[in-house]
C-alpha atoms as a PDB file:
ATOM      1  CA  MET A   1      40.459-109.061  82.256  1.00  0.00           C
ATOM      2  CA  THR A   2      42.331-110.285  85.281  1.00  0.00           C
ATOM      3  CA  GLY A   3      44.421-113.417  85.551  1.00  0.00           C
ATOM      4  CA  LEU A   4      44.163-116.353  87.902  1.00  0.00           C
ATOM      5  CA  GLY A   5      44.799-115.489  91.505  1.00  0.00           C
ATOM      6  CA  THR A   6      43.126-112.072  91.189  1.00  0.00           C
ATOM      7  CA  VAL A   7      39.561-113.197  90.440  1.00  0.00           C
ATOM      8  CA  THR A   8      37.010-110.677  91.674  1.00  0.00           C
ATOM      9  CA  ASN A   9      33.826-111.871  89.967  1.00  0.00           C
ATOM     10  CA  MET A  10      32.906-115.501  89.285  1.00  0.00           C
ATOM     11  CA  VAL A  11      29.550-116.298  87.690  1.00  0.00           C
ATOM     12  CA  GLY A  12      27.746-119.622  87.560  1.00  0.00           C
ATOM     13  CA  VAL A  13      26.491-121.108  84.291  1.00  0.00           C
ATOM     14  CA  ILE A  14      23.994-123.984  84.076  1.00  0.00           C
ATOM     15  CA  PRO A  15      23.066-125.758  80.810  1.00  0.00           C
ATOM     16  CA  SER A  16      19.493-126.823  81.591  1.00  0.00           C
ATOM     17  CA  PHE A  17      18.799-129.409  78.885  1.00  0.00           C
ATOM     18  CA  ASP A  18      20.507-132.165  76.950  1.00  0.00           C
ATOM     19  CA  ARG A  19      18.825-133.403  73.763  1.00  0.00           C
ATOM     20  CA  ARG A  20      20.373-136.850  74.275  1.00  0.00           C
ATOM     21  CA  ILE A  21      18.335-137.323  77.461  1.00  0.00           C
ATOM     22  CA  ASP A  22      14.588-137.976  77.457  1.00  0.00           C
ATOM     23  CA  PHE A  23      12.802-138.966  80.662  1.00  0.00           C
ATOM     24  CA  GLY A  24       9.464-138.749  78.856  1.00  0.00           C
ATOM     25  CA  PHE A  25       7.927-135.719  80.598  1.00  0.00           C
ATOM     26  CA  GLU A  26       6.358-132.613  79.063  1.00  0.00           C
ATOM     27  CA  TRP A  27       8.699-130.335  81.023  1.00  0.00           C
ATOM     28  CA  ASP A  28      12.483-130.099  80.805  1.00  0.00           C
ATOM     29  CA  ASP A  29      14.303-133.055  82.329  1.00  0.00           C
ATOM     30  CA  CYS A  30      16.227-130.696  84.630  1.00  0.00           C
ATOM     31  CA  LEU A  31      12.979-130.274  86.625  1.00  0.00           C
ATOM     32  CA  THR A  32      12.916-133.978  87.504  1.00  0.00           C
ATOM     33  CA  PRO A  33      12.776-134.420  91.319  1.00  0.00           C
ATOM     34  CA  LEU A  34      15.719-135.780  93.291  1.00  0.00           C
ATOM     35  CA  GLU A  35      14.027-135.536  96.667  1.00  0.00           C
ATOM     36  CA  HIS A  36      10.757-134.212  98.008  1.00  0.00           C
ATOM     37  CA  ASP A  37      10.491-130.629  96.715  1.00  0.00           C
ATOM     38  CA  TYR A  38      14.033-130.765  95.281  1.00  0.00           C
ATOM     39  CA  THR A  39      14.843-130.905  91.559  1.00  0.00           C
ATOM     40  CA  LEU A  40      17.974-131.489  89.492  1.00  0.00           C
ATOM     41  CA  LEU A  41      18.149-127.812  88.556  1.00  0.00           C
ATOM     42  CA  GLU A  42      17.853-126.652  92.151  1.00  0.00           C
ATOM     43  CA  ARG A  43      20.800-128.896  93.042  1.00  0.00           C
ATOM     44  CA  SER A  44      22.895-127.105  90.393  1.00  0.00           C
ATOM     45  CA  VAL A  45      21.772-123.674  91.609  1.00  0.00           C
ATOM     46  CA  MET A  46      22.825-124.561  95.145  1.00  0.00           C
ATOM     47  CA  GLU A  47      26.165-125.875  93.885  1.00  0.00           C
ATOM     48  CA  CYS A  48      26.885-122.552  92.160  1.00  0.00           C
ATOM     49  CA  ALA A  49      25.927-120.683  95.339  1.00  0.00           C
ATOM     50  CA  THR A  50      28.131-122.950  97.450  1.00  0.00           C
ATOM     51  CA  VAL A  51      31.295-122.346  95.400  1.00  0.00           C
ATOM     52  CA  GLY A  52      30.835-118.560  95.665  1.00  0.00           C
ATOM     53  CA  CYS A  53      29.289-117.378  92.377  1.00  0.00           C
ATOM     54  CA  SER A  54      28.123-113.756  92.329  1.00  0.00           C
ATOM     55  CA  SER A  55      25.318-114.459  89.826  1.00  0.00           C
ATOM     56  CA  ILE A  56      23.832-117.541  88.156  1.00  0.00           C
ATOM     57  CA  TRP A  57      22.918-117.776  84.449  1.00  0.00           C
ATOM     58  CA  ILE A  58      20.660-120.648  83.345  1.00  0.00           C
ATOM     59  CA  CYS A  59      20.485-121.401  79.627  1.00  0.00           C
ATOM     60  CA  CYS A  60      16.949-122.593  78.824  1.00  0.00           C
ATOM     61  CA  ASP A  61      14.699-123.675  76.017  1.00  0.00           C
ATOM     62  CA  PRO A  62      12.663-120.456  75.447  1.00  0.00           C
ATOM     63  CA  HIS A  63       9.223-122.010  75.901  1.00  0.00           C
ATOM     64  CA  MET A  64      10.331-123.572  79.214  1.00  0.00           C
ATOM     65  CA  ILE A  65      11.538-120.355  80.856  1.00  0.00           C
ATOM     66  CA  PRO A  66       8.164-119.418  82.476  1.00  0.00           C
ATOM     67  CA  LEU A  67       7.828-122.822  84.169  1.00  0.00           C
ATOM     68  CA  THR A  68      11.506-122.924  85.166  1.00  0.00           C
ATOM     69  CA  LYS A  69      11.369-119.406  86.584  1.00  0.00           C
ATOM     70  CA  GLU A  70       8.199-120.224  88.514  1.00  0.00           C
ATOM     71  CA  ARG A  71       9.951-123.199  90.075  1.00  0.00           C
ATOM     72  CA  ILE A  72      13.414-121.722  90.743  1.00  0.00           C
ATOM     73  CA  GLY A  73      12.703-118.036  91.275  1.00  0.00           C
ATOM     74  CA  GLU A  74      15.025-115.079  90.831  1.00  0.00           C
ATOM     75  CA  VAL A  75      17.499-115.317  93.687  1.00  0.00           C
ATOM     76  CA  ALA A  76      19.590-117.706  95.766  1.00  0.00           C
ATOM     77  CA  LEU A  77      21.432-117.121  99.024  1.00  0.00           C
ATOM     78  CA  ASP A  78      25.128-117.650  99.645  1.00  0.00           C
ATOM     79  CA  PRO A  79      25.159-120.481 102.249  1.00  0.00           C
ATOM     80  CA  VAL A  80      28.243-119.011 103.943  1.00  0.00           C
ATOM     81  CA  TRP A  81      26.328-115.859 104.838  1.00  0.00           C
ATOM     82  CA  ALA A  82      22.746-117.152 104.931  1.00  0.00           C
ATOM     83  CA  ARG A  83      22.667-118.010 108.616  1.00  0.00           C
ATOM     84  CA  ARG A  84      24.893-116.417 111.226  1.00  0.00           C
ATOM     85  CA  PRO A  85      23.143-117.265 114.533  1.00  0.00           C
ATOM     86  CA  PHE A  86      26.057-116.076 116.687  1.00  0.00           C
ATOM     87  CA  GLU A  87      26.512-112.764 114.862  1.00  0.00           C
ATOM     88  CA  ARG A  88      24.773-109.698 116.195  1.00  0.00           C
ATOM     89  CA  GLU A  89      22.032-108.940 113.660  1.00  0.00           C
ATOM     90  CA  GLY A  90      23.461-111.693 111.455  1.00  0.00           C
ATOM     91  CA  TRP A  91      20.334-111.630 109.295  1.00  0.00           C
ATOM     92  CA  LYS A  92      21.642-108.382 107.773  1.00  0.00           C
ATOM     93  CA  LEU A  93      24.705-110.188 106.395  1.00  0.00           C
ATOM     94  CA  LYS A  94      22.729-112.304 103.934  1.00  0.00           C
ATOM     95  CA  ARG A  95      24.261-112.225 100.445  1.00  0.00           C
ATOM     96  CA  TYR A  96      21.771-112.487  97.614  1.00  0.00           C
ATOM     97  CA  ILE A  97      22.790-114.102  94.322  1.00  0.00           C
ATOM     98  CA  PRO A  98      20.610-113.082  91.340  1.00  0.00           C
ATOM     99  CA  ILE A  99      19.467-115.788  88.906  1.00  0.00           C
ATOM    100  CA  PHE A 100      19.113-114.932  85.208  1.00  0.00           C
ATOM    101  CA  TYR A 101      17.457-117.007  82.478  1.00  0.00           C
ATOM    102  CA  VAL A 102      19.109-117.049  79.053  1.00  0.00           C
ATOM    103  CA  PRO A 103      16.946-118.312  76.140  1.00  0.00           C
ATOM    104  CA  ILE A 104      18.627-120.128  73.289  1.00  0.00           C
ATOM    105  CA  ASN A 105      18.685-117.762  70.314  1.00  0.00           C
ATOM    106  CA  SER A 106      16.043-118.625  67.703  1.00  0.00           C
ATOM    107  CA  MET A 107      18.751-118.998  65.038  1.00  0.00           C
ATOM    108  CA  HIS A 108      20.372-121.766  67.106  1.00  0.00           C
ATOM    109  CA  ILE A 109      17.256-123.888  67.735  1.00  0.00           C
ATOM    110  CA  ASN A 110      17.590-127.306  66.047  1.00  0.00           C
ATOM    111  CA  LYS A 111      21.049-126.255  64.857  1.00  0.00           C
ATOM    112  CA  MET A 112      23.323-125.551  67.819  1.00  0.00           C
ATOM    113  CA  GLU A 113      21.730-126.830  71.025  1.00  0.00           C
ATOM    114  CA  SER A 114      24.497-128.969  72.443  1.00  0.00           C
ATOM    115  CA  VAL A 115      25.468-128.786  76.109  1.00  0.00           C
ATOM    116  CA  ALA A 116      28.734-127.082  75.134  1.00  0.00           C
ATOM    117  CA  TRP A 117      26.911-124.412  73.141  1.00  0.00           C
ATOM    118  CA  GLN A 118      24.557-123.695  76.054  1.00  0.00           C
ATOM    119  CA  ILE A 119      27.600-123.070  78.259  1.00  0.00           C
ATOM    120  CA  ILE A 120      29.202-120.808  75.668  1.00  0.00           C
ATOM    121  CA  TRP A 121      25.958-118.914  74.959  1.00  0.00           C
ATOM    122  CA  ALA A 122      25.173-118.313  78.648  1.00  0.00           C
ATOM    123  CA  ALA A 123      28.753-117.119  79.312  1.00  0.00           C
ATOM    124  CA  HIS A 124      28.554-114.892  76.223  1.00  0.00           C
ATOM    125  CA  SER A 125      25.223-113.411  77.360  1.00  0.00           C
ATOM    126  CA  SER A 126      26.499-112.845  80.892  1.00  0.00           C
ATOM    127  CA  TYR A 127      29.557-110.972  79.646  1.00  0.00           C
ATOM    128  CA  TYR A 128      27.743-108.636  77.254  1.00  0.00           C
ATOM    129  CA  VAL A 129      24.782-107.920  79.532  1.00  0.00           C
ATOM    130  CA  SER A 130      27.210-107.043  82.336  1.00  0.00           C
ATOM    131  CA  LYS A 131      29.422-105.003  80.019  1.00  0.00           C
ATOM    132  CA  PHE A 132      26.386-102.959  78.952  1.00  0.00           C
ATOM    133  CA  ILE A 133      25.988-101.935  82.611  1.00  0.00           C
ATOM    134  CA  SER A 134      29.676-101.377  83.357  1.00  0.00           C
ATOM    135  CA  LYS A 135      32.997-102.965  82.455  1.00  0.00           C
ATOM    136  CA  TRP A 136      33.559-103.460  86.191  1.00  0.00           C
ATOM    137  CA  THR A 137      30.616-105.888  86.417  1.00  0.00           C
ATOM    138  CA  THR A 138      31.911-108.357  83.806  1.00  0.00           C
ATOM    139  CA  TYR A 139      33.120-111.735  85.009  1.00  0.00           C
ATOM    140  CA  ASP A 140      36.689-112.919  85.416  1.00  0.00           C
ATOM    141  CA  LYS A 141      35.713-116.548  85.730  1.00  0.00           C
ATOM    142  CA  VAL A 142      32.869-118.966  84.945  1.00  0.00           C
ATOM    143  CA  TYR A 143      31.845-121.986  87.024  1.00  0.00           C
ATOM    144  CA  VAL A 144      29.764-124.601  85.177  1.00  0.00           C
ATOM    145  CA  SER A 145      27.365-126.964  86.922  1.00  0.00           C
ATOM    146  CA  SER A 146      25.379-129.627  85.061  1.00  0.00           C
ATOM    147  CA  PRO A 147      21.967-130.720  86.425  1.00  0.00           C
ATOM    148  CA  PHE A 148      22.519-134.195  84.979  1.00  0.00           C
ATOM    149  CA  GLY A 149      25.412-135.126  87.242  1.00  0.00           C
ATOM    150  CA  VAL A 150      24.364-135.874  90.820  1.00  0.00           C
ATOM    151  CA  TYR A 151      26.950-135.659  93.603  1.00  0.00           C
ATOM    152  CA  ASP A 152      27.350-134.087  97.027  1.00  0.00           C
ATOM    153  CA  PHE A 153      28.528-130.518  96.504  1.00  0.00           C
ATOM    154  CA  GLU A 154      28.725-129.588 100.200  1.00  0.00           C
ATOM    155  CA  ALA A 155      32.429-130.504 100.295  1.00  0.00           C
ATOM    156  CA  LEU A 156      33.103-127.750  97.743  1.00  0.00           C
ATOM    157  CA  ARG A 157      32.327-125.070 100.331  1.00  0.00           C
ATOM    158  CA  GLU A 158      35.731-125.446 101.980  1.00  0.00           C
ATOM    159  CA  LYS A 159      37.410-125.305  98.559  1.00  0.00           C
ATOM    160  CA  ARG A 160      35.949-121.975  97.515  1.00  0.00           C
ATOM    161  CA  GLU A 161      39.311-120.210  97.468  1.00  0.00           C
ATOM    162  CA  ILE A 162      40.895-122.978  95.392  1.00  0.00           C
ATOM    163  CA  ILE A 163      38.063-122.743  92.863  1.00  0.00           C
ATOM    164  CA  ARG A 164      38.249-118.943  92.688  1.00  0.00           C
ATOM    165  CA  LYS A 165      42.029-118.840  92.208  1.00  0.00           C
ATOM    166  CA  ASN A 166      42.531-121.794  89.847  1.00  0.00           C
ATOM    167  CA  ASN A 167      41.027-123.511  86.861  1.00  0.00           C
ATOM    168  CA  VAL A 168      39.356-126.523  88.430  1.00  0.00           C
ATOM    169  CA  PHE A 169      37.867-129.785  87.162  1.00  0.00           C
ATOM    170  CA  LEU A 170      35.800-132.070  89.366  1.00  0.00           C
ATOM    171  CA  GLN A 171      36.678-135.667  88.541  1.00  0.00           C
ATOM    172  CA  TYR A 172      35.299-139.124  89.212  1.00  0.00           C
ATOM    173  CA  ASP A 173      37.112-142.324  88.280  1.00  0.00           C
ATOM    174  CA  ASN A 174      39.802-140.182  86.570  1.00  0.00           C
ATOM    175  CA  LYS A 175      37.244-138.628  84.191  1.00  0.00           C
ATOM    176  CA  ASP A 176      35.966-135.072  84.014  1.00  0.00           C
ATOM    177  CA  ALA A 177      34.009-132.682  81.776  1.00  0.00           C
ATOM    178  CA  THR A 178      36.506-133.041  78.922  1.00  0.00           C
ATOM    179  CA  HIS A 179      35.392-136.691  78.725  1.00  0.00           C
ATOM    180  CA  ASP A 180      31.744-135.570  78.438  1.00  0.00           C
ATOM    181  CA  ILE A 181      31.051-136.372  82.096  1.00  0.00           C
ATOM    182  CA  PRO A 182      28.492-133.994  83.724  1.00  0.00           C
ATOM    183  CA  LEU A 183      30.788-132.730  86.480  1.00  0.00           C
ATOM    184  CA  GLY A 184      31.505-129.140  87.479  1.00  0.00           C
ATOM    185  CA  PHE A 185      34.464-127.174  86.140  1.00  0.00           C
ATOM    186  CA  CYS A 186      35.527-123.570  85.709  1.00  0.00           C
ATOM    187  CA  PHE A 187      37.452-121.422  83.247  1.00  0.00           C
ATOM    188  CA  THR A 188      38.571-117.824  82.845  1.00  0.00           C
ATOM    189  CA  ALA A 189      37.305-115.148  80.471  1.00  0.00           C
ATOM    190  CA  GLU A 190      40.361-115.720  78.293  1.00  0.00           C
ATOM    191  CA  ASP A 191      39.644-119.465  78.088  1.00  0.00           C
ATOM    192  CA  PHE A 192      36.102-118.673  76.976  1.00  0.00           C
ATOM    193  CA  ILE A 193      37.320-117.110  73.715  1.00  0.00           C
ATOM    194  CA  GLU A 194      39.368-120.152  72.765  1.00  0.00           C
ATOM    195  CA  SER A 195      36.625-122.614  73.785  1.00  0.00           C
ATOM    196  CA  ARG A 196      34.103-120.741  71.631  1.00  0.00           C
ATOM    197  CA  ARG A 197      36.540-120.938  68.718  1.00  0.00           C
ATOM    198  CA  ASN A 198      36.912-124.693  69.297  1.00  0.00           C
ATOM    199  CA  LEU A 199      33.151-125.217  69.262  1.00  0.00           C
ATOM    200  CA  ARG A 200      32.654-123.258  66.049  1.00  0.00           C
ATOM    201  CA  ARG A 201      35.416-125.247  64.367  1.00  0.00           C
ATOM    202  CA  LEU A 202      33.945-128.552  65.538  1.00  0.00           C
ATOM    203  CA  PHE A 203      30.449-127.559  64.410  1.00  0.00           C
ATOM    204  CA  THR A 204      31.814-126.688  60.966  1.00  0.00           C
ATOM    205  CA  GLU A 205      33.581-130.047  60.745  1.00  0.00           C
ATOM    206  CA  LYS A 206      30.928-132.316  62.266  1.00  0.00           C
ATOM    207  CA  GLY A 207      27.632-130.422  62.122  1.00  0.00           C
ATOM    208  CA  LYS A 208      24.934-131.783  64.435  1.00  0.00           C
ATOM    209  CA  GLU A 209      27.141-134.743  65.345  1.00  0.00           C
ATOM    210  CA  ILE A 210      28.657-132.419  67.935  1.00  0.00           C
ATOM    211  CA  TYR A 211      25.428-132.960  69.950  1.00  0.00           C
ATOM    212  CA  GLU A 212      26.515-136.513  70.701  1.00  0.00           C
ATOM    213  CA  GLU A 213      29.858-135.408  72.098  1.00  0.00           C
ATOM    214  CA  GLY A 214      28.548-132.932  74.678  1.00  0.00           C
ATOM    215  CA  THR A 215      31.477-131.122  76.308  1.00  0.00           C
ATOM    216  CA  LYS A 216      34.120-133.384  74.754  1.00  0.00           C
ATOM    217  CA  TRP A 217      36.897-131.589  72.785  1.00  0.00           C
ATOM    218  CA  VAL A 218      35.416-128.099  73.305  1.00  0.00           C
ATOM    219  CA  PHE A 219      37.093-127.289  76.635  1.00  0.00           C
ATOM    220  CA  ASP A 220      40.364-129.173  76.166  1.00  0.00           C
ATOM    221  CA  ASN A 221      42.186-125.839  75.883  1.00  0.00           C
ATOM    222  CA  ILE A 222      41.617-125.207  79.607  1.00  0.00           C
ATOM    223  CA  LYS A 223      44.030-128.045  80.378  1.00  0.00           C
ATOM    224  CA  ASN A 224      46.795-126.318  78.446  1.00  0.00           C
ATOM    225  CA  LYS A 225      47.313-124.183  81.561  1.00  0.00           C
ATOM    226  CA  ASP A 226      47.739-125.115  85.204  1.00  0.00           C
ATOM    227  CA  TYR A 227      44.596-126.533  86.744  1.00  0.00           C
ATOM    228  CA  GLU A 228      43.443-128.318  89.886  1.00  0.00           C
ATOM    229  CA  LEU A 229      41.525-131.602  90.181  1.00  0.00           C
ATOM    230  CA  ILE A 230      38.947-132.211  92.913  1.00  0.00           C
ATOM    231  CA  THR A 231      37.862-135.831  93.314  1.00  0.00           C
ATOM    232  CA  ILE A 232      34.188-136.642  93.884  1.00  0.00           C
ATOM    233  CA  GLU A 233      33.584-139.732  96.024  1.00  0.00           C
ATOM    234  CA  GLU A 234      30.043-140.625  94.923  1.00  0.00           C
ATOM    235  CA  PHE A 235      28.661-139.680  91.524  1.00  0.00           C
ATOM    236  CA  TYR A 236      25.595-140.566  89.434  1.00  0.00           C
ATOM    237  CA  PRO A 237      25.491-139.385  85.796  1.00  0.00           C
ATOM    238  CA  LEU A 238      21.903-139.270  84.528  1.00  0.00           C
ATOM    239  CA  ARG A 239      21.703-140.379  80.889  1.00  0.00           C
ATOM    240  CA  THR A 240      18.654-142.661  81.077  1.00  0.00           C
ATOM    241  CA  PHE A 241      15.735-143.186  83.419  1.00  0.00           C
ATOM    242  CA  GLN A 242      17.495-146.292  84.714  1.00  0.00           C
ATOM    243  CA  ASP A 243      20.358-144.033  85.857  1.00  0.00           C
ATOM    244  CA  LEU A 244      17.796-142.019  87.803  1.00  0.00           C
ATOM    245  CA  ARG A 245      16.481-145.191  89.414  1.00  0.00           C
ATOM    246  CA  ASN A 246      20.044-146.113  90.386  1.00  0.00           C
ATOM    247  CA  TYR A 247      20.362-142.778  92.193  1.00  0.00           C
ATOM    248  CA  TYR A 248      17.028-143.285  93.969  1.00  0.00           C
ATOM    249  CA  GLY A 249      18.353-146.624  95.237  1.00  0.00           C
ATOM    250  CA  SER A 250      21.600-145.103  96.538  1.00  0.00           C
ATOM    251  CA  SER A 251      22.458-143.711  99.970  1.00  0.00           C
ATOM    252  CA  LEU A 252      23.126-140.185  98.611  1.00  0.00           C
ATOM    253  CA  THR A 253      20.501-137.708  99.821  1.00  0.00           C
ATOM    254  CA  PHE A 254      19.952-133.942  99.812  1.00  0.00           C
ATOM    255  CA  ASP A 255      18.358-131.703 102.414  1.00  0.00           C
ATOM    256  CA  TYR A 256      15.294-130.153 100.792  1.00  0.00           C
ATOM    257  CA  LYS A 257      14.654-128.041 103.903  1.00  0.00           C
ATOM    258  CA  LYS A 258      18.012-126.336 103.405  1.00  0.00           C
ATOM    259  CA  LYS A 259      17.064-125.710  99.779  1.00  0.00           C
ATOM    260  CA  ASN A 260      13.902-123.914 100.894  1.00  0.00           C
ATOM    261  CA  TRP A 261      15.861-121.170 102.671  1.00  0.00           C
ATOM    262  CA  LEU A 262      18.740-121.021 100.179  1.00  0.00           C
ATOM    263  CA  VAL A 263      16.468-120.658  97.125  1.00  0.00           C
ATOM    264  CA  PRO A 264      13.606-118.509  98.509  1.00  0.00           C
ATOM    265  CA  LYS A 265      12.161-117.658  95.024  1.00  0.00           C
ATOM    266  CA  VAL A 266      11.846-113.925  95.821  1.00  0.00           C
ATOM    267  CA  TRP A 267      14.343-111.174  96.560  1.00  0.00           C
ATOM    268  CA  PHE A 268      13.233-110.463 100.114  1.00  0.00           C
ATOM    269  CA  ASP A 269      11.091-113.192 101.606  1.00  0.00           C
ATOM    270  CA  ARG A 270       9.875-113.571 105.172  1.00  0.00           C
ATOM    271  CA  THR A 271      13.049-115.366 106.219  1.00  0.00           C
ATOM    272  CA  SER A 272      14.894-112.064 105.796  1.00  0.00           C
ATOM    273  CA  THR A 273      13.525-110.571 109.023  1.00  0.00           C
ATOM    274  CA  LYS A 274      15.332-110.567 112.319  1.00  0.00           C
ATOM    275  CA  GLU A 275      12.394-112.201 114.080  1.00  0.00           C
ATOM    276  CA  ASN A 276      12.310-115.207 111.765  1.00  0.00           C
ATOM    277  CA  GLU A 277      16.104-115.499 111.826  1.00  0.00           C
ATOM    278  CA  ASN A 278      15.985-116.161 115.551  1.00  0.00           C
ATOM    279  CA  GLU A 279      13.290-118.844 115.322  1.00  0.00           C
END
């Protein structure tokens, strides 16, 4: 495992559900629309692509994976390389980011389904699946994006190098993920081991009460090392349907047309041809 400053492989992890939230639909709340043809989960996928993740791992309720996969697809595009209109044959430079779906283990259902455990389980699955292929494909760093925190992630594009080389917490009003606020953060492979140990200890002490504390306490160990803070200007945490209505009444918007070519749902869609690139 490499240290900070020499990160070569950063993966994205998305916890797709939170048992404390119930918008009243039959499908997972992460599939709630933000804009026309634009869901909470797609916003998180695009955030992971924007910060430079090499793959994205979504932890899902097992019976929701078919619907989620039908909606999201299997691949995203790195926005830095997706469109290069002034490059000769720039369409060939597109960088595809695979999306994997990680079901909660049956032994954890109704026992360990907290947001923190989803993050740990997806990171665990990513590491061991990659290690089975080759030790060179395992991650050095994990970036976590929550679908239930809505903010403009476009500003993170210019901070890609900072995020890759440092432990980073996004913050709003001086609060971050360690306060159980659904904002992005990242940690190294070494931090993962200690965070998993923290979660197991807390689950032994508090049992299912850990559900109500989300990411609080579990990732405090990340702050024992040097880390960077990135302030978010406008932020809407979604805990209730009224929170969602507050977002709908705000001035924050997302470009669903951009989403359509960054999350094409298939590996090689029609937008991958030179002719369509020049349209």
